Amino acid sequence: MSSLKQDADPAHEEDPRSRGTGSLALGVLAVVAFGCPFLPEALPPLVRFLPLYLVIPLGICAVVWGGPDLWRARRSERPAPVRARIGVLLGTLAVLGPLVWFFFYLGAG
């Protein structure tokens, strides 16, 4: 048997669902939606301000999609997928950012 041949044990195969790519994509979209009001004023208001309504739902989805990947990695004692960690972090920031701004806005008014 060749030393280059890898073991075909199914327990060592990585689950394609546990990569965290979906969580990362949703987290990045949630954070990018913060910048839409800074787009040029020539664009219609629908394009500039509609993504702001999607920040919190996208952030929540990023956390929800990344959580099982992190739990699955913890259970199998493998290192957690970096993409899932970053997606959960960005999703958390996307949820907390508007909430913190809202509370400061209410406190200043």
C-alpha atoms as a PDB file:
ATOM      1  CA  MET A   1       0.000   0.000   0.000  1.00  0.00           C
ATOM      2  CA  SER A   2       1.355   3.387  -0.958  1.00  0.00           C
ATOM      3  CA  SER A   3       2.068   5.974   1.698  1.00  0.00           C
ATOM      4  CA  LEU A   4       0.425   8.596  -0.524  1.00  0.00           C
ATOM      5  CA  LYS A   5      -2.877   6.788  -0.519  1.00  0.00           C
ATOM      6  CA  GLN A   6      -5.193   8.214   2.089  1.00  0.00           C
ATOM      7  CA  ASP A   7      -7.410   6.246   4.391  1.00  0.00           C
ATOM      8  CA  ALA A   8     -10.939   5.832   3.004  1.00  0.00           C
ATOM      9  CA  ASP A   9     -12.500   5.864   6.457  1.00  0.00           C
ATOM     10  CA  PRO A  10     -15.798   7.815   6.271  1.00  0.00           C
ATOM     11  CA  ALA A  11     -15.267   9.174   9.782  1.00  0.00           C
ATOM     12  CA  HIS A  12     -12.284  11.193   8.527  1.00  0.00           C
ATOM     13  CA  GLU A  13     -14.134  12.772   5.616  1.00  0.00           C
ATOM     14  CA  GLU A  14     -15.166  16.367   6.092  1.00  0.00           C
ATOM     15  CA  ASP A  15     -18.846  17.118   5.909  1.00  0.00           C
ATOM     16  CA  PRO A  16     -19.405  19.573   3.035  1.00  0.00           C
ATOM     17  CA  ARG A  17     -22.073  21.347   5.088  1.00  0.00           C
ATOM     18  CA  SER A  18     -19.595  22.186   7.853  1.00  0.00           C
ATOM     19  CA  ARG A  19     -17.463  24.674   5.972  1.00  0.00           C
ATOM     20  CA  GLY A  20     -19.335  27.790   7.039  1.00  0.00           C
ATOM     21  CA  THR A  21     -19.460  29.413   3.602  1.00  0.00           C
ATOM     22  CA  GLY A  22     -23.163  30.266   3.881  1.00  0.00           C
ATOM     23  CA  SER A  23     -22.657  31.916   7.230  1.00  0.00           C
ATOM     24  CA  LEU A  24     -19.715  33.912   5.901  1.00  0.00           C
ATOM     25  CA  ALA A  25     -21.654  35.086   2.836  1.00  0.00           C
ATOM     26  CA  LEU A  26     -24.651  36.178   4.918  1.00  0.00           C
ATOM     27  CA  GLY A  27     -22.421  37.957   7.439  1.00  0.00           C
ATOM     28  CA  VAL A  28     -20.579  39.834   4.705  1.00  0.00           C
ATOM     29  CA  LEU A  29     -23.874  40.832   3.051  1.00  0.00           C
ATOM     30  CA  ALA A  30     -25.200  42.092   6.376  1.00  0.00           C
ATOM     31  CA  VAL A  31     -22.130  44.244   6.997  1.00  0.00           C
ATOM     32  CA  VAL A  32     -22.036  45.528   3.401  1.00  0.00           C
ATOM     33  CA  ALA A  33     -25.670  46.625   3.701  1.00  0.00           C
ATOM     34  CA  PHE A  34     -24.505  49.199   6.282  1.00  0.00           C
ATOM     35  CA  GLY A  35     -22.693  51.074   3.514  1.00  0.00           C
ATOM     36  CA  CYS A  36     -25.621  51.405   1.119  1.00  0.00           C
ATOM     37  CA  PRO A  37     -26.740  54.865   2.359  1.00  0.00           C
ATOM     38  CA  PHE A  38     -23.284  56.155   1.387  1.00  0.00           C
ATOM     39  CA  LEU A  39     -23.857  55.274  -2.271  1.00  0.00           C
ATOM     40  CA  PRO A  40     -24.164  58.203  -4.713  1.00  0.00           C
ATOM     41  CA  GLU A  41     -27.319  60.272  -4.398  1.00  0.00           C
ATOM     42  CA  ALA A  42     -28.062  59.736  -8.091  1.00  0.00           C
ATOM     43  CA  LEU A  43     -29.308  56.250  -7.240  1.00  0.00           C
ATOM     44  CA  PRO A  44     -32.962  55.897  -6.280  1.00  0.00           C
ATOM     45  CA  PRO A  45     -33.742  55.855  -2.556  1.00  0.00           C
ATOM     46  CA  LEU A  46     -34.996  52.279  -2.858  1.00  0.00           C
ATOM     47  CA  VAL A  47     -31.501  51.114  -3.811  1.00  0.00           C
ATOM     48  CA  ARG A  48     -29.814  53.212  -1.149  1.00  0.00           C
ATOM     49  CA  PHE A  49     -32.043  52.529   1.853  1.00  0.00           C
ATOM     50  CA  LEU A  50     -33.810  49.183   1.301  1.00  0.00           C
ATOM     51  CA  PRO A  51     -30.724  47.109   2.302  1.00  0.00           C
ATOM     52  CA  LEU A  52     -30.786  48.770   5.733  1.00  0.00           C
ATOM     53  CA  TYR A  53     -34.002  46.882   6.466  1.00  0.00           C
ATOM     54  CA  LEU A  54     -32.189  43.616   5.700  1.00  0.00           C
ATOM     55  CA  VAL A  55     -29.204  44.111   8.029  1.00  0.00           C
ATOM     56  CA  ILE A  56     -30.720  42.496  11.134  1.00  0.00           C
ATOM     57  CA  PRO A  57     -32.398  39.552   9.313  1.00  0.00           C
ATOM     58  CA  LEU A  58     -29.182  38.797   7.404  1.00  0.00           C
ATOM     59  CA  GLY A  59     -27.166  39.014  10.628  1.00  0.00           C
ATOM     60  CA  ILE A  60     -29.517  36.653  12.426  1.00  0.00           C
ATOM     61  CA  CYS A  61     -29.379  34.196   9.524  1.00  0.00           C
ATOM     62  CA  ALA A  62     -25.560  34.312   9.551  1.00  0.00           C
ATOM     63  CA  VAL A  63     -25.500  33.415  13.248  1.00  0.00           C
ATOM     64  CA  VAL A  64     -28.108  30.689  12.836  1.00  0.00           C
ATOM     65  CA  TRP A  65     -26.342  29.128   9.837  1.00  0.00           C
ATOM     66  CA  GLY A  66     -22.884  29.277  11.439  1.00  0.00           C
ATOM     67  CA  GLY A  67     -23.907  27.947  14.856  1.00  0.00           C
ATOM     68  CA  PRO A  68     -24.457  24.305  13.835  1.00  0.00           C
ATOM     69  CA  ASP A  69     -21.119  24.254  12.008  1.00  0.00           C
ATOM     70  CA  LEU A  70     -19.343  25.412  15.155  1.00  0.00           C
ATOM     71  CA  TRP A  71     -21.250  22.944  17.370  1.00  0.00           C
ATOM     72  CA  ARG A  72     -20.516  20.077  14.958  1.00  0.00           C
ATOM     73  CA  ALA A  73     -16.812  20.936  15.007  1.00  0.00           C
ATOM     74  CA  ARG A  74     -16.790  21.143  18.808  1.00  0.00           C
ATOM     75  CA  ARG A  75     -18.502  17.761  19.136  1.00  0.00           C
ATOM     76  CA  SER A  76     -16.044  16.042  16.803  1.00  0.00           C
ATOM     77  CA  GLU A  77     -13.071  17.792  18.470  1.00  0.00           C
ATOM     78  CA  ARG A  78     -11.924  19.250  15.163  1.00  0.00           C
ATOM     79  CA  PRO A  79     -10.849  22.851  14.759  1.00  0.00           C
ATOM     80  CA  ALA A  80     -13.846  25.054  14.035  1.00  0.00           C
ATOM     81  CA  PRO A  81     -14.203  26.240  10.445  1.00  0.00           C
ATOM     82  CA  VAL A  82     -12.749  29.715  10.122  1.00  0.00           C
ATOM     83  CA  ARG A  83     -15.460  30.790   7.686  1.00  0.00           C
ATOM     84  CA  ALA A  84     -18.181  29.853  10.169  1.00  0.00           C
ATOM     85  CA  ARG A  85     -16.439  31.761  12.960  1.00  0.00           C
ATOM     86  CA  ILE A  86     -16.077  34.879  10.833  1.00  0.00           C
ATOM     87  CA  GLY A  87     -19.679  34.593   9.613  1.00  0.00           C
ATOM     88  CA  VAL A  88     -21.006  34.341  13.163  1.00  0.00           C
ATOM     89  CA  LEU A  89     -18.839  37.289  14.227  1.00  0.00           C
ATOM     90  CA  LEU A  90     -20.002  39.473  11.323  1.00  0.00           C
ATOM     91  CA  GLY A  91     -23.616  38.439  11.897  1.00  0.00           C
ATOM     92  CA  THR A  92     -23.357  39.328  15.571  1.00  0.00           C
ATOM     93  CA  LEU A  93     -21.860  42.719  14.731  1.00  0.00           C
ATOM     94  CA  ALA A  94     -24.586  43.318  12.148  1.00  0.00           C
ATOM     95  CA  VAL A  95     -27.272  42.630  14.745  1.00  0.00           C
ATOM     96  CA  LEU A  96     -25.669  44.581  17.588  1.00  0.00           C
ATOM     97  CA  GLY A  97     -24.638  47.614  15.501  1.00  0.00           C
ATOM     98  CA  PRO A  98     -28.135  48.910  14.701  1.00  0.00           C
ATOM     99  CA  LEU A  99     -29.369  48.077  18.199  1.00  0.00           C
ATOM    100  CA  VAL A 100     -26.566  50.051  19.857  1.00  0.00           C
ATOM    101  CA  TRP A 101     -27.132  52.962  17.465  1.00  0.00           C
ATOM    102  CA  PHE A 102     -30.868  52.881  18.191  1.00  0.00           C
ATOM    103  CA  PHE A 103     -30.352  53.009  21.961  1.00  0.00           C
ATOM    104  CA  PHE A 104     -27.861  55.850  21.683  1.00  0.00           C
ATOM    105  CA  TYR A 105     -30.267  57.685  19.377  1.00  0.00           C
ATOM    106  CA  LEU A 106     -33.078  57.332  21.902  1.00  0.00           C
ATOM    107  CA  GLY A 107     -30.805  58.380  24.764  1.00  0.00           C
ATOM    108  CA  ALA A 108     -29.589  61.501  22.942  1.00  0.00           C
ATOM    109  CA  GLY A 109     -33.111  62.578  21.952  1.00  0.00           C
END
